[in-house]
Full PDB file with SEQRES, HELIX, SHEET, SSBOND, CRYST1, ORIGX, SCALE, CONECT and MASTER records, all heavy atoms in Angstrom:
SEQRES   1 A   28  TYR TRP ILE ASN LYS THR VAL ARG PHE GLY GLN ILE GLU          
SEQRES   2 A   28  PHE ASP SER PRO ARG TYR LEU TYR TYR PHE ILE THR PRO          
SEQRES   3 A   28  LEU ILE                                                      
HELIX    1 AA1 TRP A    2  PHE A    9  1                                   8    
HELIX    2 AA2 TYR A   21  LEU A   27  1                                   7    
CRYST1    1.000    1.000    1.000  90.00  90.00  90.00 P 1           1          
ORIGX1      1.000000  0.000000  0.000000        0.00000                         
ORIGX2      0.000000  1.000000  0.000000        0.00000                         
ORIGX3      0.000000  0.000000  1.000000        0.00000                         
SCALE1      1.000000  0.000000  0.000000        0.00000                         
SCALE2      0.000000  1.000000  0.000000        0.00000                         
SCALE3      0.000000  0.000000  1.000000        0.00000                         
ATOM      1  N   TYR A   1     -42.980 126.101   7.568  1.00  0.00           N  
ATOM      2  CA  TYR A   1     -42.434 124.843   8.096  1.00  0.00           C  
ATOM      3  C   TYR A   1     -42.076 123.895   6.954  1.00  0.00           C  
ATOM      4  O   TYR A   1     -40.975 123.333   6.920  1.00  0.00           O  
ATOM      5  CB  TYR A   1     -43.465 124.199   9.023  1.00  0.00           C  
ATOM      6  CG  TYR A   1     -43.175 122.753   9.374  1.00  0.00           C  
ATOM      7  CD1 TYR A   1     -42.276 122.423  10.378  1.00  0.00           C  
ATOM      8  CD2 TYR A   1     -43.822 121.720   8.682  1.00  0.00           C  
ATOM      9  CE1 TYR A   1     -42.005 121.103  10.687  1.00  0.00           C  
ATOM     10  CE2 TYR A   1     -43.559 120.400   8.996  1.00  0.00           C  
ATOM     11  CZ  TYR A   1     -42.654 120.089   9.993  1.00  0.00           C  
ATOM     12  OH  TYR A   1     -42.390 118.775  10.294  1.00  0.00           O  
ATOM     13  N   TRP A   2     -43.003 123.712   6.000  1.00  0.00           N  
ATOM     14  CA  TRP A   2     -42.767 122.767   4.901  1.00  0.00           C  
ATOM     15  C   TRP A   2     -41.611 123.219   4.006  1.00  0.00           C  
ATOM     16  O   TRP A   2     -40.758 122.409   3.623  1.00  0.00           O  
ATOM     17  CB  TRP A   2     -44.041 122.590   4.062  1.00  0.00           C  
ATOM     18  CG  TRP A   2     -43.817 121.651   2.917  1.00  0.00           C  
ATOM     19  CD1 TRP A   2     -43.739 120.294   2.971  1.00  0.00           C  
ATOM     20  CD2 TRP A   2     -43.589 122.014   1.546  1.00  0.00           C  
ATOM     21  NE1 TRP A   2     -43.485 119.776   1.711  1.00  0.00           N  
ATOM     22  CE2 TRP A   2     -43.395 120.802   0.822  1.00  0.00           C  
ATOM     23  CE3 TRP A   2     -43.547 123.224   0.857  1.00  0.00           C  
ATOM     24  CZ2 TRP A   2     -43.149 120.789  -0.549  1.00  0.00           C  
ATOM     25  CZ3 TRP A   2     -43.309 123.199  -0.510  1.00  0.00           C  
ATOM     26  CH2 TRP A   2     -43.108 121.997  -1.201  1.00  0.00           C  
ATOM     27  N   ILE A   3     -41.573 124.489   3.684  1.00  0.00           N  
ATOM     28  CA  ILE A   3     -40.488 125.004   2.840  1.00  0.00           C  
ATOM     29  C   ILE A   3     -39.138 124.806   3.514  1.00  0.00           C  
ATOM     30  O   ILE A   3     -38.174 124.317   2.905  1.00  0.00           O  
ATOM     31  CB  ILE A   3     -40.724 126.493   2.502  1.00  0.00           C  
ATOM     32  CG1 ILE A   3     -41.921 126.637   1.554  1.00  0.00           C  
ATOM     33  CG2 ILE A   3     -39.473 127.120   1.875  1.00  0.00           C  
ATOM     34  CD1 ILE A   3     -42.386 128.076   1.364  1.00  0.00           C  
ATOM     35  N   ASN A   4     -39.051 125.142   4.799  1.00  0.00           N  
ATOM     36  CA  ASN A   4     -37.786 124.997   5.516  1.00  0.00           C  
ATOM     37  C   ASN A   4     -37.351 123.540   5.616  1.00  0.00           C  
ATOM     38  O   ASN A   4     -36.164 123.211   5.423  1.00  0.00           O  
ATOM     39  CB  ASN A   4     -37.905 125.592   6.930  1.00  0.00           C  
ATOM     40  CG  ASN A   4     -38.050 127.108   6.908  1.00  0.00           C  
ATOM     41  OD1 ASN A   4     -37.651 127.759   5.948  1.00  0.00           O  
ATOM     42  ND2 ASN A   4     -38.621 127.665   7.962  1.00  0.00           N  
ATOM     43  N   LYS A   5     -38.287 122.646   5.913  1.00  0.00           N  
ATOM     44  CA  LYS A   5     -37.964 121.213   6.002  1.00  0.00           C  
ATOM     45  C   LYS A   5     -37.521 120.655   4.647  1.00  0.00           C  
ATOM     46  O   LYS A   5     -36.574 119.872   4.555  1.00  0.00           O  
ATOM     47  CB  LYS A   5     -39.187 120.435   6.492  1.00  0.00           C  
ATOM     48  CG  LYS A   5     -39.382 120.450   7.988  1.00  0.00           C  
ATOM     49  CD  LYS A   5     -38.419 119.492   8.674  1.00  0.00           C  
ATOM     50  CE  LYS A   5     -38.780 119.313  10.131  1.00  0.00           C  
ATOM     51  NZ  LYS A   5     -37.862 118.371  10.819  1.00  0.00           N  
ATOM     52  N   THR A   6     -38.212 121.063   3.595  1.00  0.00           N  
ATOM     53  CA  THR A   6     -37.900 120.552   2.260  1.00  0.00           C  
ATOM     54  C   THR A   6     -36.527 121.012   1.801  1.00  0.00           C  
ATOM     55  O   THR A   6     -35.748 120.236   1.231  1.00  0.00           O  
ATOM     56  CB  THR A   6     -38.984 121.005   1.258  1.00  0.00           C  
ATOM     57  OG1 THR A   6     -40.245 120.480   1.671  1.00  0.00           O  
ATOM     58  CG2 THR A   6     -38.669 120.523  -0.147  1.00  0.00           C  
ATOM     59  N   VAL A   7     -36.220 122.273   2.049  1.00  0.00           N  
ATOM     60  CA  VAL A   7     -34.914 122.800   1.643  1.00  0.00           C  
ATOM     61  C   VAL A   7     -33.779 122.118   2.413  1.00  0.00           C  
ATOM     62  O   VAL A   7     -32.729 121.793   1.845  1.00  0.00           O  
ATOM     63  CB  VAL A   7     -34.867 124.330   1.854  1.00  0.00           C  
ATOM     64  CG1 VAL A   7     -33.449 124.863   1.677  1.00  0.00           C  
ATOM     65  CG2 VAL A   7     -35.799 125.026   0.869  1.00  0.00           C  
ATOM     66  N   ARG A   8     -33.986 121.857   3.691  1.00  0.00           N  
ATOM     67  CA  ARG A   8     -32.921 121.291   4.528  1.00  0.00           C  
ATOM     68  C   ARG A   8     -32.797 119.774   4.390  1.00  0.00           C  
ATOM     69  O   ARG A   8     -31.687 119.235   4.363  1.00  0.00           O  
ATOM     70  CB  ARG A   8     -33.173 121.633   5.998  1.00  0.00           C  
ATOM     71  CG  ARG A   8     -33.022 123.119   6.328  1.00  0.00           C  
ATOM     72  CD  ARG A   8     -33.180 123.359   7.811  1.00  0.00           C  
ATOM     73  NE  ARG A   8     -32.119 122.721   8.567  1.00  0.00           N  
ATOM     74  CZ  ARG A   8     -32.127 122.566   9.906  1.00  0.00           C  
ATOM     75  NH1 ARG A   8     -33.178 122.993  10.604  1.00  0.00           N  
ATOM     76  NH2 ARG A   8     -31.128 121.982  10.520  1.00  0.00           N  
ATOM     77  N   PHE A   9     -33.946 119.071   4.298  1.00  0.00           N  
ATOM     78  CA  PHE A   9     -33.908 117.613   4.393  1.00  0.00           C  
ATOM     79  C   PHE A   9     -34.543 116.886   3.210  1.00  0.00           C  
ATOM     80  O   PHE A   9     -34.565 115.658   3.182  1.00  0.00           O  
ATOM     81  CB  PHE A   9     -34.605 117.157   5.686  1.00  0.00           C  
ATOM     82  CG  PHE A   9     -34.029 117.778   6.930  1.00  0.00           C  
ATOM     83  CD1 PHE A   9     -34.764 118.703   7.658  1.00  0.00           C  
ATOM     84  CD2 PHE A   9     -32.757 117.458   7.363  1.00  0.00           C  
ATOM     85  CE1 PHE A   9     -34.243 119.284   8.805  1.00  0.00           C  
ATOM     86  CE2 PHE A   9     -32.219 118.029   8.507  1.00  0.00           C  
ATOM     87  CZ  PHE A   9     -32.963 118.953   9.230  1.00  0.00           C  
ATOM     88  N   GLY A  10     -35.107 117.609   2.246  1.00  0.00           N  
ATOM     89  CA  GLY A  10     -35.735 116.968   1.100  1.00  0.00           C  
ATOM     90  C   GLY A  10     -37.207 116.654   1.341  1.00  0.00           C  
ATOM     91  O   GLY A  10     -37.707 116.736   2.466  1.00  0.00           O  
ATOM     92  N   GLN A  11     -37.894 116.291   0.259  1.00  0.00           N  
ATOM     93  CA  GLN A  11     -39.313 115.956   0.356  1.00  0.00           C  
ATOM     94  C   GLN A  11     -39.522 114.556   0.908  1.00  0.00           C  
ATOM     95  O   GLN A  11     -38.651 113.691   0.813  1.00  0.00           O  
ATOM     96  CB  GLN A  11     -39.963 116.048  -1.029  1.00  0.00           C  
ATOM     97  CG  GLN A  11     -40.217 117.459  -1.519  1.00  0.00           C  
ATOM     98  CD  GLN A  11     -40.885 117.464  -2.876  1.00  0.00           C  
ATOM     99  OE1 GLN A  11     -40.230 117.665  -3.891  1.00  0.00           O  
ATOM    100  NE2 GLN A  11     -42.188 117.252  -2.906  1.00  0.00           N  
ATOM    101  N   ILE A  12     -40.719 114.336   1.449  1.00  0.00           N  
ATOM    102  CA  ILE A  12     -41.128 113.000   1.882  1.00  0.00           C  
ATOM    103  C   ILE A  12     -41.655 112.218   0.682  1.00  0.00           C  
ATOM    104  O   ILE A  12     -41.217 111.102   0.409  1.00  0.00           O  
ATOM    105  CB  ILE A  12     -42.208 113.092   2.982  1.00  0.00           C  
ATOM    106  CG1 ILE A  12     -41.609 113.675   4.269  1.00  0.00           C  
ATOM    107  CG2 ILE A  12     -42.819 111.713   3.267  1.00  0.00           C  
ATOM    108  CD1 ILE A  12     -42.634 113.958   5.352  1.00  0.00           C  
ATOM    109  N   GLU A  13     -42.600 112.807  -0.045  1.00  0.00           N  
ATOM    110  CA  GLU A  13     -43.132 112.169  -1.261  1.00  0.00           C  
ATOM    111  C   GLU A  13     -42.280 112.644  -2.446  1.00  0.00           C  
ATOM    112  O   GLU A  13     -42.727 113.367  -3.315  1.00  0.00           O  
ATOM    113  CB  GLU A  13     -44.594 112.542  -1.444  1.00  0.00           C  
ATOM    114  CG  GLU A  13     -45.478 111.965  -0.352  1.00  0.00           C  
ATOM    115  CD  GLU A  13     -46.934 112.372  -0.519  1.00  0.00           C  
ATOM    116  OE1 GLU A  13     -47.238 113.566  -0.426  1.00  0.00           O  
ATOM    117  OE2 GLU A  13     -47.758 111.470  -0.738  1.00  0.00           O  
ATOM    118  N   PHE A  14     -41.034 112.219  -2.440  1.00  0.00           N  
ATOM    119  CA  PHE A  14     -40.052 112.736  -3.378  1.00  0.00           C  
ATOM    120  C   PHE A  14     -40.154 112.062  -4.752  1.00  0.00           C  
ATOM    121  O   PHE A  14     -40.434 110.881  -4.869  1.00  0.00           O  
ATOM    122  CB  PHE A  14     -38.629 112.565  -2.819  1.00  0.00           C  
ATOM    123  CG  PHE A  14     -38.273 111.139  -2.462  1.00  0.00           C  
ATOM    124  CD1 PHE A  14     -37.751 110.281  -3.404  1.00  0.00           C  
ATOM    125  CD2 PHE A  14     -38.475 110.669  -1.170  1.00  0.00           C  
ATOM    126  CE1 PHE A  14     -37.425 108.970  -3.088  1.00  0.00           C  
ATOM    127  CE2 PHE A  14     -38.152 109.347  -0.837  1.00  0.00           C  
ATOM    128  CZ  PHE A  14     -37.622 108.498  -1.795  1.00  0.00           C  
ATOM    129  N   ASP A  15     -39.963 112.861  -5.785  1.00  0.00           N  
ATOM    130  CA  ASP A  15     -39.815 112.378  -7.160  1.00  0.00           C  
ATOM    131  C   ASP A  15     -40.902 111.374  -7.547  1.00  0.00           C  
ATOM    132  O   ASP A  15     -40.628 110.337  -8.152  1.00  0.00           O  
ATOM    133  CB  ASP A  15     -38.432 111.735  -7.354  1.00  0.00           C  
ATOM    134  CG  ASP A  15     -37.315 112.700  -6.988  1.00  0.00           C  
ATOM    135  OD1 ASP A  15     -37.493 113.908  -7.197  1.00  0.00           O  
ATOM    136  OD2 ASP A  15     -36.283 112.244  -6.479  1.00  0.00           O  
ATOM    137  N   SER A  16     -42.131 111.704  -7.209  1.00  0.00           N  
ATOM    138  CA  SER A  16     -43.240 110.805  -7.510  1.00  0.00           C  
ATOM    139  C   SER A  16     -43.841 111.147  -8.873  1.00  0.00           C  
ATOM    140  O   SER A  16     -44.310 112.278  -9.073  1.00  0.00           O  
ATOM    141  CB  SER A  16     -44.328 110.916  -6.439  1.00  0.00           C  
ATOM    142  OG  SER A  16     -45.491 110.218  -6.841  1.00  0.00           O  
ATOM    143  N   PRO A  17     -43.847 110.213  -9.817  1.00  0.00           N  
ATOM    144  CA  PRO A  17     -44.438 110.496 -11.133  1.00  0.00           C  
ATOM    145  C   PRO A  17     -45.906 110.892 -11.059  1.00  0.00           C  
ATOM    146  O   PRO A  17     -46.411 111.556 -11.954  1.00  0.00           O  
ATOM    147  CB  PRO A  17     -44.264 109.170 -11.887  1.00  0.00           C  
ATOM    148  CG  PRO A  17     -43.112 108.504 -11.216  1.00  0.00           C  
ATOM    149  CD  PRO A  17     -43.247 108.874  -9.764  1.00  0.00           C  
ATOM    150  N   ARG A  18     -46.592 110.472 -10.003  1.00  0.00           N  
ATOM    151  CA  ARG A  18     -47.987 110.856  -9.843  1.00  0.00           C  
ATOM    152  C   ARG A  18     -48.140 112.123  -8.995  1.00  0.00           C  
ATOM    153  O   ARG A  18     -48.770 113.088  -9.403  1.00  0.00           O  
ATOM    154  CB  ARG A  18     -48.788 109.726  -9.194  1.00  0.00           C  
ATOM    155  CG  ARG A  18     -50.255 110.100  -9.023  1.00  0.00           C  
ATOM    156  CD  ARG A  18     -51.108 108.956  -8.565  1.00  0.00           C  
ATOM    157  NE  ARG A  18     -52.523 109.320  -8.683  1.00  0.00           N  
ATOM    158  CZ  ARG A  18     -53.528 108.523  -8.355  1.00  0.00           C  
ATOM    159  NH1 ARG A  18     -53.299 107.313  -7.923  1.00  0.00           N  
ATOM    160  NH2 ARG A  18     -54.773 108.922  -8.497  1.00  0.00           N  
ATOM    161  N   TYR A  19     -47.553 112.127  -7.808  1.00  0.00           N  
ATOM    162  CA  TYR A  19     -47.878 113.182  -6.853  1.00  0.00           C  
ATOM    163  C   TYR A  19     -47.075 114.463  -7.044  1.00  0.00           C  
ATOM    164  O   TYR A  19     -47.427 115.491  -6.444  1.00  0.00           O  
ATOM    165  CB  TYR A  19     -47.766 112.644  -5.422  1.00  0.00           C  
ATOM    166  CG  TYR A  19     -48.875 111.658  -5.174  1.00  0.00           C  
ATOM    167  CD1 TYR A  19     -48.645 110.294  -5.243  1.00  0.00           C  
ATOM    168  CD2 TYR A  19     -50.173 112.097  -4.955  1.00  0.00           C  
ATOM    169  CE1 TYR A  19     -49.677 109.385  -5.079  1.00  0.00           C  
ATOM    170  CE2 TYR A  19     -51.218 111.199  -4.787  1.00  0.00           C  
ATOM    171  CZ  TYR A  19     -50.968 109.841  -4.847  1.00  0.00           C  
ATOM    172  OH  TYR A  19     -51.991 108.956  -4.710  1.00  0.00           O  
ATOM    173  N   LEU A  20     -46.052 114.442  -7.871  1.00  0.00           N  
ATOM    174  CA  LEU A  20     -45.381 115.704  -8.201  1.00  0.00           C  
ATOM    175  C   LEU A  20     -46.376 116.691  -8.809  1.00  0.00           C  
ATOM    176  O   LEU A  20     -46.295 117.902  -8.588  1.00  0.00           O  
ATOM    177  CB  LEU A  20     -44.232 115.456  -9.185  1.00  0.00           C  
ATOM    178  CG  LEU A  20     -43.424 116.696  -9.573  1.00  0.00           C  
ATOM    179  CD1 LEU A  20     -42.696 117.280  -8.365  1.00  0.00           C  
ATOM    180  CD2 LEU A  20     -42.432 116.380 -10.689  1.00  0.00           C  
ATOM    181  N   TYR A  21     -47.333 116.155  -9.550  1.00  0.00           N  
ATOM    182  CA  TYR A  21     -48.411 116.959 -10.148  1.00  0.00           C  
ATOM    183  C   TYR A  21     -49.154 117.762  -9.084  1.00  0.00           C  
ATOM    184  O   TYR A  21     -49.542 118.914  -9.308  1.00  0.00           O  
ATOM    185  CB  TYR A  21     -49.363 115.996 -10.856  1.00  0.00           C  
ATOM    186  CG  TYR A  21     -50.546 116.597 -11.582  1.00  0.00           C  
ATOM    187  CD1 TYR A  21     -50.431 117.019 -12.909  1.00  0.00           C  
ATOM    188  CD2 TYR A  21     -51.803 116.675 -10.978  1.00  0.00           C  
ATOM    189  CE1 TYR A  21     -51.531 117.519 -13.598  1.00  0.00           C  
ATOM    190  CE2 TYR A  21     -52.892 117.176 -11.654  1.00  0.00           C  
ATOM    191  CZ  TYR A  21     -52.758 117.590 -12.975  1.00  0.00           C  
ATOM    192  OH  TYR A  21     -53.855 118.082 -13.658  1.00  0.00           O  
ATOM    193  N   TYR A  22     -49.323 117.151  -7.892  1.00  0.00           N  
ATOM    194  CA  TYR A  22     -50.084 117.787  -6.814  1.00  0.00           C  
ATOM    195  C   TYR A  22     -49.198 118.607  -5.874  1.00  0.00           C  
ATOM    196  O   TYR A  22     -49.683 119.141  -4.878  1.00  0.00           O  
ATOM    197  CB  TYR A  22     -50.869 116.729  -6.041  1.00  0.00           C  
ATOM    198  CG  TYR A  22     -51.875 116.027  -6.929  1.00  0.00           C  
ATOM    199  CD1 TYR A  22     -51.673 114.712  -7.342  1.00  0.00           C  
ATOM    200  CD2 TYR A  22     -52.994 116.700  -7.399  1.00  0.00           C  
ATOM    201  CE1 TYR A  22     -52.583 114.082  -8.185  1.00  0.00           C  
ATOM    202  CE2 TYR A  22     -53.909 116.071  -8.238  1.00  0.00           C  
ATOM    203  CZ  TYR A  22     -53.693 114.769  -8.627  1.00  0.00           C  
ATOM    204  OH  TYR A  22     -54.587 114.148  -9.469  1.00  0.00           O  
ATOM    205  N   PHE A  23     -47.921 118.694  -6.182  1.00  0.00           N  
ATOM    206  CA  PHE A  23     -47.047 119.690  -5.563  1.00  0.00           C  
ATOM    207  C   PHE A  23     -46.913 120.904  -6.481  1.00  0.00           C  
ATOM    208  O   PHE A  23     -47.004 122.049  -6.036  1.00  0.00           O  
ATOM    209  CB  PHE A  23     -45.656 119.100  -5.280  1.00  0.00           C  
ATOM    210  CG  PHE A  23     -45.599 118.174  -4.111  1.00  0.00           C  
ATOM    211  CD1 PHE A  23     -45.652 116.797  -4.280  1.00  0.00           C  
ATOM    212  CD2 PHE A  23     -45.494 118.676  -2.816  1.00  0.00           C  
ATOM    213  CE1 PHE A  23     -45.594 115.940  -3.203  1.00  0.00           C  
ATOM    214  CE2 PHE A  23     -45.438 117.828  -1.719  1.00  0.00           C  
ATOM    215  CZ  PHE A  23     -45.490 116.453  -1.918  1.00  0.00           C  
ATOM    216  N   ILE A  24     -46.697 120.647  -7.761  1.00  0.00           N  
ATOM    217  CA  ILE A  24     -46.470 121.748  -8.707  1.00  0.00           C  
ATOM    218  C   ILE A  24     -47.695 122.650  -8.799  1.00  0.00           C  
ATOM    219  O   ILE A  24     -47.580 123.878  -8.773  1.00  0.00           O  
ATOM    220  CB  ILE A  24     -46.098 121.194 -10.098  1.00  0.00           C  
ATOM    221  CG1 ILE A  24     -44.720 120.522 -10.052  1.00  0.00           C  
ATOM    222  CG2 ILE A  24     -46.091 122.321 -11.142  1.00  0.00           C  
ATOM    223  CD1 ILE A  24     -44.324 119.835 -11.345  1.00  0.00           C  
ATOM    224  N   THR A  25     -48.900 122.061  -8.904  1.00  0.00           N  
ATOM    225  CA  THR A  25     -50.102 122.872  -9.106  1.00  0.00           C  
ATOM    226  C   THR A  25     -50.347 123.867  -7.965  1.00  0.00           C  
ATOM    227  O   THR A  25     -50.494 125.064  -8.218  1.00  0.00           O  
ATOM    228  CB  THR A  25     -51.341 121.982  -9.325  1.00  0.00           C  
ATOM    229  OG1 THR A  25     -51.083 121.055 -10.381  1.00  0.00           O  
ATOM    230  CG2 THR A  25     -52.549 122.840  -9.700  1.00  0.00           C  
ATOM    231  N   PRO A  26     -50.396 123.436  -6.693  1.00  0.00           N  
ATOM    232  CA  PRO A  26     -50.602 124.437  -5.631  1.00  0.00           C  
ATOM    233  C   PRO A  26     -49.457 125.434  -5.520  1.00  0.00           C  
ATOM    234  O   PRO A  26     -49.678 126.598  -5.158  1.00  0.00           O  
ATOM    235  CB  PRO A  26     -50.745 123.597  -4.359  1.00  0.00           C  
ATOM    236  CG  PRO A  26     -50.160 122.275  -4.677  1.00  0.00           C  
ATOM    237  CD  PRO A  26     -50.389 122.063  -6.138  1.00  0.00           C  
ATOM    238  N   LEU A  27     -48.224 125.020  -5.836  1.00  0.00           N  
ATOM    239  CA  LEU A  27     -47.099 125.951  -5.781  1.00  0.00           C  
ATOM    240  C   LEU A  27     -47.210 127.023  -6.864  1.00  0.00           C  
ATOM    241  O   LEU A  27     -46.868 128.191  -6.642  1.00  0.00           O  
ATOM    242  CB  LEU A  27     -45.771 125.201  -5.915  1.00  0.00           C  
ATOM    243  CG  LEU A  27     -45.316 124.436  -4.673  1.00  0.00           C  
ATOM    244  CD1 LEU A  27     -44.071 123.614  -4.969  1.00  0.00           C  
ATOM    245  CD2 LEU A  27     -45.063 125.380  -3.500  1.00  0.00           C  
ATOM    246  N   ILE A  28     -47.700 126.649  -8.043  1.00  0.00           N  
ATOM    247  CA  ILE A  28     -47.934 127.640  -9.095  1.00  0.00           C  
ATOM    248  C   ILE A  28     -48.986 128.646  -8.638  1.00  0.00           C  
ATOM    249  O   ILE A  28     -48.822 129.856  -8.803  1.00  0.00           O  
ATOM    250  CB  ILE A  28     -48.370 126.950 -10.402  1.00  0.00           C  
ATOM    251  CG1 ILE A  28     -47.164 126.298 -11.081  1.00  0.00           C  
ATOM    252  CG2 ILE A  28     -49.042 127.944 -11.361  1.00  0.00           C  
ATOM    253  CD1 ILE A  28     -47.503 125.458 -12.279  1.00  0.00           C  
TER     254      ILE A  28                                                      
MASTER        0    0    0    2    0    0    0    6  253    1    0    3          
END                                                                             
């Protein structure tokens, strides 16, 4: 669900200097 929503409509917590860290780590 999250991958499909993000690809189609973009992130909610987009381009966050802080929280991008907490997207990249679990994705790795």
